[in-house]
Amino acid sequence: MKKTEKKHVAAKHAHRRDWYQLDLSAIVYPTLQRRDFSSVYRLSVLLKEEVQPDVLQQALDMTLPRFPTYKAAIRKGLFWRYLEPNDRPGPFVQKDVRNPCQPMYFKANNRYLVRVYYFRNRIALEAHHSLGDGTGGMCVLMTLTATYLRLLGVEGIENEGFVLDIHGMPKEEELEDAYMRYANAKVCPPRMEERSYRVRGTAEPFYTLNIIDGIMSVSEVMTAAKRYGATITEYLNAVLLQALLTKQEQDHRVHLRPVKIAMPVNLRRFFPSVTLRNFITMIFPGVDPRLGDYTFEEIVIQVRNYMRYYLNEKLLRGDITTNANTQRNPFIRIVPLFVKDFVVRLFYTKVQDRNSSAGLTNMGKMNVPEGMKDYIERFDIYMGQPFSRRTNCAIISFGDTLTVNFASSIVETDVERYFFRRLVRDGIHVKIESNRNMEG
């Protein structure tokens, strides 16, 4: 080994911690773990040429040490869980599977909580939410892809945006729990949400995840959104809300309930953080059909007003302060872990999970280094297996291609069909791909 390489390895080991405390969001995800559910999300990139798995494995071995909180295993202490460095062999790239986002058991896969798949021209990263959110995961995927392309001889790929320098030292700010840095509001806003409408559906067999992708033009979606005076995110939220309202109406339920969407907000947009851990909070745009029938234009207005009111630094700071104060409570800190698990699981099942009718996340526009653009076709993102019977929706765009990725664990596809029919009615051409046979 050369002297420079020895110095680089020594520097990395000098920087490495013995353990990492789970961030404020990550604390919840292992608590919800069960045999048929893990908090796993998937990010994938479609290249223009077929993937070479041996080169991809080499790239993964070179890339993952740059992300110490992803090259980690989860451990259980008396009061809290934590991450520790994982030097076991792996993870190993695998040929892709039909049903993605399968459970990640903490002692399996040499204790790694990441998976890397390939199929034809696709590279996919799956990660447990305890490690980080979609922004952190996208940094891992894009750095891996850049390393892979460089090994194939592609030149001119700069380290910028989601592509990090695999030979550089991780910044302390990348590894921090950013919630605790910015949870300093002087008031903790109360959070009381009324139970929302839940989609009724037939459960699929054990760990079947139904994927429906809608691929469309960014410019066409933007034209439709502008027609209603909305952003793309506001417009697509309204489309999903109308689909859920239609589904509730078709259910012929005696008692109507509010229809709400659980939407993660990337707090890095509002606070100067570069953390690769979780740094999101949830908002819940929605409408209440008990107040009367809503036209689509009225739904758009409702969503627009809600989001423009709640998406600001002051209210978001108050929201994360409410969460952080629970962890800071001296009494809660000394409560045994099994008691914390029971309380959190009960609260999530009986209250939090019932606050929304579906999930929707928008990763936004993907900006990649100039040297990579000609090798990439599009991106996909999946929120993974829903905790309960419903559908989750994720949005990402690259160039003029916008992809809407639905993932559900029920047989019926009514919500997805209503969603895409609305887009077509608004003049948007949609190409559908799926891992299932659809009717209707």
Protein backbone atom coordinates (compact mmCIF):
# COMPACT_ATOMS: atom_id res chain seq x y z
CA MET A 1 0.00 0.00 0.00
CA LYS A 2 1.31 3.45 -0.92
CA LYS A 3 2.11 5.99 1.83
CA THR A 4 -0.64 8.36 0.67
CA GLU A 5 -3.20 5.51 0.81
CA LYS A 6 -2.00 4.53 4.30
CA LYS A 7 -2.39 8.13 5.47
CA HIS A 8 -5.90 8.28 3.96
CA VAL A 9 -6.97 5.05 5.73
CA ALA A 10 -5.41 6.19 9.00
CA ALA A 11 -7.21 9.53 8.77
CA LYS A 12 -10.55 7.80 8.19
CA HIS A 13 -10.08 5.52 11.19
CA ALA A 14 -9.00 8.48 13.32
CA HIS A 15 -12.21 10.28 12.40
CA ARG A 16 -14.53 7.31 12.89
CA ARG A 17 -16.66 7.24 16.01
CA ASP A 18 -17.41 4.14 18.06
CA TRP A 19 -21.15 4.76 17.80
CA TYR A 20 -23.78 7.22 16.52
CA GLN A 21 -26.91 8.18 18.40
CA LEU A 22 -30.09 7.79 16.34
CA ASP A 23 -31.52 11.11 15.22
CA LEU A 24 -34.89 12.36 16.39
CA SER A 25 -36.84 10.75 13.53
CA ALA A 26 -34.76 7.58 13.39
CA ILE A 27 -35.76 6.70 16.96
CA VAL A 28 -39.30 5.88 15.79
CA TYR A 29 -38.55 3.62 12.81
CA PRO A 30 -37.10 0.56 14.64
CA THR A 31 -40.01 0.73 17.08
CA LEU A 32 -42.46 0.09 14.21
CA GLN A 33 -40.46 -2.89 12.95
CA ARG A 34 -42.44 -6.11 12.60
CA ARG A 35 -42.13 -9.33 10.64
CA ASP A 36 -43.94 -7.94 7.59
CA PHE A 37 -42.92 -4.28 7.83
CA SER A 38 -39.72 -2.27 7.82
CA SER A 39 -39.28 1.44 7.23
CA VAL A 40 -37.42 0.96 3.94
CA TYR A 41 -37.36 3.36 0.99
CA ARG A 42 -35.89 2.90 -2.50
CA LEU A 43 -34.10 5.27 -4.86
CA SER A 44 -33.06 4.21 -8.34
CA VAL A 45 -31.34 5.67 -11.38
CA LEU A 46 -31.84 4.41 -14.94
CA LEU A 47 -28.69 4.66 -17.02
CA LYS A 48 -28.53 4.59 -20.81
CA GLU A 49 -26.33 1.48 -20.87
CA GLU A 50 -26.61 -1.92 -19.17
CA VAL A 51 -25.07 -2.14 -15.68
CA GLN A 52 -21.93 -4.23 -15.16
CA PRO A 53 -22.43 -5.85 -11.72
CA ASP A 54 -18.74 -6.56 -11.01
CA VAL A 55 -17.85 -2.90 -11.61
CA LEU A 56 -20.85 -1.82 -9.52
CA GLN A 57 -19.62 -3.96 -6.62
CA GLN A 58 -16.20 -2.37 -6.88
CA ALA A 59 -17.80 1.08 -6.85
CA LEU A 60 -19.91 0.18 -3.79
CA ASP A 61 -16.83 -1.04 -1.88
CA MET A 62 -15.12 2.27 -2.65
CA THR A 63 -18.13 4.48 -1.91
CA LEU A 64 -19.81 3.24 1.27
CA PRO A 65 -16.90 3.99 3.69
CA ARG A 66 -17.42 7.68 2.81
CA PHE A 67 -20.83 7.41 4.56
CA PRO A 68 -20.15 6.12 8.09
CA THR A 69 -23.79 6.30 9.18
CA TYR A 70 -24.75 4.05 6.25
CA LYS A 71 -21.85 1.63 6.71
CA ALA A 72 -23.31 0.84 10.11
CA ALA A 73 -25.32 -1.65 12.13
CA ILE A 74 -28.12 -0.88 14.57
CA ARG A 75 -27.73 -1.94 18.20
CA LYS A 76 -30.04 -1.93 21.20
CA GLY A 77 -29.05 -0.39 24.53
CA LEU A 78 -30.92 -0.23 27.81
CA PHE A 79 -32.48 3.18 27.08
CA TRP A 80 -31.88 3.90 23.36
CA ARG A 81 -30.86 2.24 20.11
CA TYR A 82 -27.73 3.44 18.36
CA LEU A 83 -25.62 2.87 15.22
CA GLU A 84 -22.15 1.35 15.35
CA PRO A 85 -19.56 1.05 12.54
CA ASN A 86 -19.96 -2.14 10.50
CA ASP A 87 -16.78 -3.73 9.15
CA ARG A 88 -18.37 -7.04 8.15
CA PRO A 89 -18.16 -8.12 4.50
CA GLY A 90 -20.72 -6.47 2.27
CA PRO A 91 -23.14 -5.24 1.36
CA PHE A 92 -23.13 -7.15 -1.91
CA VAL A 93 -24.90 -6.03 -5.08
CA GLN A 94 -27.81 -8.28 -6.07
CA LYS A 95 -29.96 -8.80 -9.12
CA ASP A 96 -33.19 -6.87 -8.63
CA VAL A 97 -36.40 -8.39 -7.29
CA ARG A 98 -40.01 -7.99 -8.39
CA ASN A 99 -41.25 -6.82 -4.98
CA PRO A 100 -38.84 -4.15 -3.68
CA CYS A 101 -38.50 -2.65 -0.19
CA GLN A 102 -38.75 -6.01 1.56
CA PRO A 103 -38.23 -6.07 5.34
CA MET A 104 -34.75 -5.46 6.66
CA TYR A 105 -34.11 -7.58 9.71
CA PHE A 106 -31.45 -6.00 11.88
CA LYS A 107 -29.33 -9.16 12.24
CA ALA A 108 -29.54 -10.26 8.59
CA ASN A 109 -27.37 -9.20 5.64
CA ASN A 110 -24.29 -9.00 7.93
CA ARG A 111 -26.27 -6.34 9.83
CA TYR A 112 -26.19 -3.87 6.94
CA LEU A 113 -29.30 -1.71 6.54
CA VAL A 114 -28.67 -0.89 2.89
CA ARG A 115 -29.14 -2.97 -0.25
CA VAL A 116 -27.92 -2.28 -3.78
CA TYR A 117 -29.68 -3.92 -6.74
CA TYR A 118 -29.14 -3.90 -10.49
CA PHE A 119 -31.30 -4.91 -13.44
CA ARG A 120 -30.48 -4.13 -17.05
CA ASN A 121 -29.73 -0.39 -16.94
CA ARG A 122 -31.05 0.28 -13.41
CA ILE A 123 -29.10 0.80 -10.18
CA ALA A 124 -31.28 0.83 -7.07
CA LEU A 125 -30.46 1.68 -3.46
CA GLU A 126 -32.72 0.59 -0.61
CA ALA A 127 -32.08 1.97 2.87
CA HIS A 128 -33.69 1.70 6.28
CA HIS A 129 -35.06 5.05 7.41
CA SER A 130 -33.07 4.80 10.66
CA LEU A 131 -29.96 5.70 8.66
CA GLY A 132 -31.29 8.82 6.94
CA ASP A 133 -33.96 10.32 4.72
CA GLY A 134 -34.20 10.51 0.94
CA THR A 135 -31.67 13.35 0.67
CA GLY A 136 -29.01 11.34 2.49
CA GLY A 137 -29.88 8.23 0.49
CA MET A 138 -29.67 10.16 -2.78
CA CYS A 139 -26.16 11.32 -1.85
CA VAL A 140 -25.16 7.66 -1.41
CA LEU A 141 -26.80 6.59 -4.69
CA MET A 142 -25.41 9.45 -6.77
CA THR A 143 -21.90 9.14 -5.31
CA LEU A 144 -22.05 5.40 -6.02
CA THR A 145 -23.22 6.05 -9.59
CA ALA A 146 -20.49 8.64 -10.17
CA THR A 147 -17.85 6.21 -8.88
CA TYR A 148 -19.26 3.47 -11.12
CA LEU A 149 -19.15 5.68 -14.22
CA ARG A 150 -15.60 6.81 -13.42
CA LEU A 151 -14.50 3.16 -13.17
CA LEU A 152 -15.92 2.68 -16.66
CA GLY A 153 -13.71 5.49 -17.90
CA VAL A 154 -16.13 8.43 -17.87
CA GLU A 155 -14.21 11.65 -17.30
CA GLY A 156 -15.24 15.11 -16.18
CA ILE A 157 -17.61 14.14 -13.33
CA GLU A 158 -17.23 16.79 -10.65
CA ASN A 159 -17.89 16.30 -6.94
CA GLU A 160 -20.89 18.57 -6.47
CA GLY A 161 -24.50 18.45 -5.33
CA PHE A 162 -25.41 14.89 -4.41
CA VAL A 163 -22.00 13.58 -5.53
CA LEU A 164 -19.48 13.66 -2.68
CA ASP A 165 -15.73 13.05 -2.75
CA ILE A 166 -15.17 9.42 -1.71
CA HIS A 167 -11.60 10.30 -0.75
CA GLY A 168 -12.68 13.20 1.46
CA MET A 169 -13.38 13.23 5.18
CA PRO A 170 -17.03 13.31 6.26
CA LYS A 171 -17.92 16.67 7.78
CA GLU A 172 -19.22 16.65 11.35
CA GLU A 173 -22.29 18.52 10.08
CA GLU A 174 -23.12 15.56 7.79
CA LEU A 175 -23.32 13.24 10.79
CA GLU A 176 -25.22 15.46 13.23
CA ASP A 177 -28.78 15.26 14.46
CA ALA A 178 -29.85 18.56 12.90
CA TYR A 179 -33.21 18.46 14.69
CA MET A 180 -31.51 19.10 18.03
CA ARG A 181 -29.55 22.05 16.63
CA TYR A 182 -32.63 23.92 15.40
CA ALA A 183 -35.25 22.79 17.92
CA ASN A 184 -35.07 26.01 19.93
CA ALA A 185 -38.47 27.68 19.56
CA LYS A 186 -39.86 29.22 22.74
CA VAL A 187 -43.22 27.51 22.33
CA CYS A 188 -44.26 23.98 21.41
CA PRO A 189 -47.37 24.12 19.20
CA PRO A 190 -49.99 21.48 20.11
CA ARG A 191 -50.67 18.77 17.57
CA MET A 192 -54.22 17.45 17.54
CA GLU A 193 -55.35 15.93 14.27
CA GLU A 194 -58.76 14.45 13.60
CA ARG A 195 -58.87 10.89 12.32
CA SER A 196 -58.88 10.86 8.51
CA TYR A 197 -60.45 8.71 5.82
CA ARG A 198 -58.69 5.38 5.29
CA VAL A 199 -58.80 3.52 1.99
CA ARG A 200 -60.45 0.12 2.30
CA GLY A 201 -58.69 -2.56 0.30
CA THR A 202 -57.88 -6.24 0.01
CA ALA A 203 -54.52 -7.04 1.55
CA GLU A 204 -51.95 -8.57 -0.76
CA PRO A 205 -50.08 -11.75 0.27
CA PHE A 206 -47.10 -11.42 2.59
CA TYR A 207 -44.72 -8.82 1.32
CA THR A 208 -46.15 -8.12 -2.06
CA LEU A 209 -45.51 -4.48 -2.96
CA ASN A 210 -47.49 -3.21 -5.93
CA ILE A 211 -45.67 -0.63 -8.01
CA ILE A 212 -47.33 1.69 -10.54
CA ASP A 213 -45.16 4.30 -12.27
CA GLY A 214 -46.47 7.23 -14.28
CA ILE A 215 -43.88 8.83 -16.56
CA MET A 216 -44.68 12.22 -18.06
CA SER A 217 -43.29 15.52 -19.26
CA VAL A 218 -42.29 18.14 -16.69
CA SER A 219 -43.32 20.93 -19.07
CA GLU A 220 -46.82 19.43 -19.54
CA VAL A 221 -47.32 19.08 -15.77
CA MET A 222 -46.06 22.61 -15.22
CA THR A 223 -48.46 23.97 -17.84
CA ALA A 224 -51.39 22.22 -16.12
CA ALA A 225 -50.31 23.46 -12.67
CA LYS A 226 -49.97 27.05 -13.89
CA ARG A 227 -53.48 26.85 -15.29
CA TYR A 228 -54.68 26.53 -11.68
CA GLY A 229 -52.19 29.05 -10.26
CA ALA A 230 -50.28 26.31 -8.43
CA THR A 231 -46.80 24.82 -8.22
CA ILE A 232 -46.24 21.26 -9.42
CA THR A 233 -46.24 19.99 -5.82
CA GLU A 234 -49.47 21.81 -4.98
CA TYR A 235 -51.12 20.61 -8.18
CA LEU A 236 -50.17 16.94 -7.69
CA ASN A 237 -51.27 17.08 -4.04
CA ALA A 238 -54.66 18.35 -5.23
CA VAL A 239 -54.90 15.58 -7.84
CA LEU A 240 -54.24 12.93 -5.19
CA LEU A 241 -56.74 14.52 -2.78
CA GLN A 242 -59.42 14.50 -5.46
CA ALA A 243 -58.66 10.83 -6.18
CA LEU A 244 -59.07 10.01 -2.49
CA LEU A 245 -62.31 12.02 -2.27
CA THR A 246 -63.66 10.09 -5.27
CA LYS A 247 -62.64 6.80 -3.67
CA GLN A 248 -64.40 7.69 -0.40
CA GLU A 249 -67.54 8.64 -2.35
CA GLN A 250 -67.43 5.32 -4.23
CA ASP A 251 -67.15 3.46 -0.91
CA HIS A 252 -70.69 4.71 -0.03
CA ARG A 253 -69.64 5.24 3.57
CA VAL A 254 -72.28 6.43 6.01
CA HIS A 255 -69.91 8.79 7.80
CA LEU A 256 -67.53 10.89 5.74
CA ARG A 257 -64.12 11.77 7.12
CA PRO A 258 -61.51 14.41 6.25
CA VAL A 259 -59.12 13.40 3.47
CA LYS A 260 -55.49 14.29 4.25
CA ILE A 261 -52.06 13.58 2.80
CA ALA A 262 -48.95 12.97 4.89
CA MET A 263 -46.26 14.97 3.13
CA PRO A 264 -42.60 14.97 4.28
CA VAL A 265 -40.90 18.37 4.17
CA ASN A 266 -37.15 18.57 3.62
CA LEU A 267 -36.06 20.90 6.42
CA ARG A 268 -32.76 21.64 4.65
CA ARG A 269 -34.78 24.04 2.50
CA PHE A 270 -35.44 26.18 5.58
CA PHE A 271 -32.42 25.58 7.84
CA PRO A 272 -28.75 25.67 6.74
CA SER A 273 -27.92 22.00 7.30
CA VAL A 274 -25.92 19.48 5.25
CA THR A 275 -26.76 16.50 7.46
CA LEU A 276 -27.04 13.10 5.76
CA ARG A 277 -29.25 11.83 8.59
CA ASN A 278 -33.02 12.34 8.78
CA PHE A 279 -34.07 15.99 8.67
CA ILE A 280 -37.72 16.05 7.66
CA THR A 281 -41.04 16.84 9.26
CA MET A 282 -44.61 16.11 8.19
CA ILE A 283 -47.40 18.40 7.08
CA PHE A 284 -50.95 17.30 6.27
CA PRO A 285 -52.72 19.19 3.46
CA GLY A 286 -56.31 18.08 3.09
CA VAL A 287 -60.00 18.85 2.65
CA ASP A 288 -63.09 17.97 4.67
CA PRO A 289 -65.98 16.73 2.47
CA ARG A 290 -68.40 17.16 5.39
CA LEU A 291 -68.25 20.88 4.64
CA GLY A 292 -69.62 20.33 1.14
CA ASP A 293 -68.57 19.22 -2.32
CA TYR A 294 -65.22 20.54 -3.56
CA THR A 295 -64.46 21.37 -7.17
CA PHE A 296 -60.91 20.62 -8.29
CA GLU A 297 -60.18 24.35 -8.39
CA GLU A 298 -61.28 24.64 -4.75
CA ILE A 299 -59.04 21.74 -3.74
CA VAL A 300 -56.07 23.46 -5.38
CA ILE A 301 -56.82 26.68 -3.51
CA GLN A 302 -57.12 24.77 -0.21
CA VAL A 303 -53.77 23.02 -0.75
CA ARG A 304 -52.03 26.20 -1.91
CA ASN A 305 -53.20 28.23 1.08
CA TYR A 306 -52.33 25.44 3.53
CA MET A 307 -48.82 24.92 2.21
CA ARG A 308 -48.00 28.58 1.89
CA TYR A 309 -49.08 29.09 5.49
CA TYR A 310 -47.26 26.14 7.05
CA LEU A 311 -44.07 26.06 4.96
CA ASN A 312 -42.02 28.70 6.76
CA GLU A 313 -39.08 28.59 9.13
CA LYS A 314 -41.01 29.79 12.21
CA LEU A 315 -43.78 27.19 12.20
CA LEU A 316 -41.40 24.39 11.19
CA ARG A 317 -39.04 25.31 14.03
CA GLY A 318 -41.94 25.09 16.46
CA ASP A 319 -42.91 21.70 15.08
CA ILE A 320 -39.47 20.14 15.52
CA THR A 321 -39.16 21.74 18.97
CA THR A 322 -42.33 19.92 20.02
CA ASN A 323 -40.75 16.63 18.95
CA ALA A 324 -37.34 17.38 20.47
CA ASN A 325 -38.73 18.33 23.88
CA THR A 326 -40.03 14.80 24.30
CA GLN A 327 -36.53 13.37 23.89
CA ARG A 328 -35.02 16.05 26.14
CA ASN A 329 -37.39 15.23 29.00
CA PRO A 330 -35.19 13.88 31.84
CA PHE A 331 -37.81 11.35 32.92
CA ILE A 332 -38.28 9.92 29.41
CA ARG A 333 -34.51 9.59 28.97
CA ILE A 334 -34.30 7.08 31.85
CA VAL A 335 -37.37 5.05 30.87
CA PRO A 336 -36.29 1.56 29.68
CA LEU A 337 -36.31 1.02 25.93
CA PHE A 338 -39.03 -1.64 25.94
CA VAL A 339 -41.41 0.82 27.64
CA LYS A 340 -40.56 3.56 25.10
CA ASP A 341 -41.17 1.07 22.28
CA PHE A 342 -44.60 0.14 23.63
CA VAL A 343 -45.73 3.75 24.05
CA VAL A 344 -44.41 4.93 20.66
CA ARG A 345 -45.91 1.95 18.82
CA LEU A 346 -49.27 2.47 20.50
CA PHE A 347 -49.29 6.20 19.74
CA TYR A 348 -48.31 5.68 16.11
CA THR A 349 -50.87 2.92 15.53
CA LYS A 350 -53.79 4.61 17.28
CA VAL A 351 -53.09 8.26 16.46
CA GLN A 352 -50.27 9.15 14.03
CA ASP A 353 -51.00 6.57 11.33
CA ARG A 354 -54.67 7.57 11.28
CA ASN A 355 -53.89 11.23 10.61
CA SER A 356 -53.58 10.74 6.86
CA SER A 357 -55.27 8.95 3.95
CA ALA A 358 -52.11 8.55 1.83
CA GLY A 359 -48.50 9.64 1.67
CA LEU A 360 -46.90 11.90 -0.93
CA THR A 361 -43.30 13.05 -1.19
CA ASN A 362 -41.70 15.20 -3.88
CA MET A 363 -37.93 14.87 -4.21
CA GLY A 364 -38.07 17.69 -6.73
CA LYS A 365 -35.76 18.32 -9.66
CA MET A 366 -32.58 16.26 -9.72
CA ASN A 367 -29.50 18.30 -10.52
CA VAL A 368 -26.51 16.12 -11.37
CA PRO A 369 -22.93 17.02 -12.36
CA GLU A 370 -22.64 18.01 -16.00
CA GLY A 371 -20.36 15.06 -16.74
CA MET A 372 -23.11 12.57 -15.71
CA LYS A 373 -26.11 13.99 -17.55
CA ASP A 374 -25.56 12.18 -20.84
CA TYR A 375 -25.45 8.80 -19.09
CA ILE A 376 -28.73 9.10 -17.15
CA GLU A 377 -32.25 8.48 -18.43
CA ARG A 378 -34.42 9.08 -15.35
CA PHE A 379 -34.86 8.53 -11.60
CA ASP A 380 -37.46 6.70 -9.50
CA ILE A 381 -38.25 6.96 -5.80
CA TYR A 382 -40.50 4.77 -3.65
CA MET A 383 -41.65 5.49 -0.11
CA GLY A 384 -41.82 1.73 0.41
CA GLN A 385 -44.28 -0.55 2.14
CA PRO A 386 -47.11 1.44 3.78
CA PHE A 387 -47.53 0.78 7.51
CA SER A 388 -51.25 0.19 6.97
CA ARG A 389 -53.45 -0.55 3.95
CA ARG A 390 -53.10 2.45 1.72
CA THR A 391 -51.00 3.83 -1.12
CA ASN A 392 -47.90 5.99 -1.01
CA CYS A 393 -46.88 8.32 -3.82
CA ALA A 394 -43.43 9.73 -4.62
CA ILE A 395 -42.40 12.26 -7.27
CA ILE A 396 -39.03 13.03 -8.82
CA SER A 397 -37.92 14.73 -12.03
CA PHE A 398 -34.83 14.85 -14.22
CA GLY A 399 -34.60 17.01 -17.32
CA ASP A 400 -38.09 17.03 -18.84
CA THR A 401 -39.04 13.64 -17.35
CA LEU A 402 -41.25 13.60 -14.26
CA THR A 403 -42.00 10.26 -12.61
CA VAL A 404 -44.83 9.56 -10.18
CA ASN A 405 -44.18 6.30 -8.32
CA PHE A 406 -47.05 4.65 -6.42
CA ALA A 407 -46.41 1.82 -3.94
CA SER A 408 -49.20 -0.05 -2.16
CA SER A 409 -49.93 -3.31 -0.38
CA ILE A 410 -53.57 -3.68 -1.49
CA VAL A 411 -55.10 -5.30 -4.57
CA GLU A 412 -57.34 -2.41 -5.64
CA THR A 413 -55.88 0.37 -7.81
CA ASP A 414 -58.81 2.81 -7.71
CA VAL A 415 -56.86 5.74 -6.24
CA GLU A 416 -54.04 5.38 -8.78
CA ARG A 417 -56.53 5.19 -11.70
CA TYR A 418 -58.43 8.28 -10.55
CA PHE A 419 -55.10 10.09 -10.14
CA PHE A 420 -53.79 9.38 -13.64
CA ARG A 421 -57.18 9.96 -15.28
CA ARG A 422 -57.18 13.50 -13.86
CA LEU A 423 -53.74 14.14 -15.31
CA VAL A 424 -54.83 12.90 -18.75
CA ARG A 425 -57.97 15.07 -18.53
CA ASP A 426 -55.67 18.06 -17.94
CA GLY A 427 -53.78 17.35 -21.14
CA ILE A 428 -50.81 15.45 -19.69
CA HIS A 429 -49.55 12.40 -21.59
CA VAL A 430 -48.77 9.59 -19.15
CA LYS A 431 -46.84 6.38 -19.79
CA ILE A 432 -47.66 3.66 -17.24
CA GLU A 433 -45.24 0.99 -16.02
CA SER A 434 -45.93 -1.57 -13.30
CA ASN A 435 -44.76 -4.79 -11.67
CA ARG A 436 -48.34 -6.09 -11.71
CA ASN A 437 -51.13 -6.83 -14.17
CA MET A 438 -53.66 -4.00 -13.99
CA GLU A 439 -57.27 -3.83 -15.04
CA GLY A 440 -59.33 -0.76 -15.76
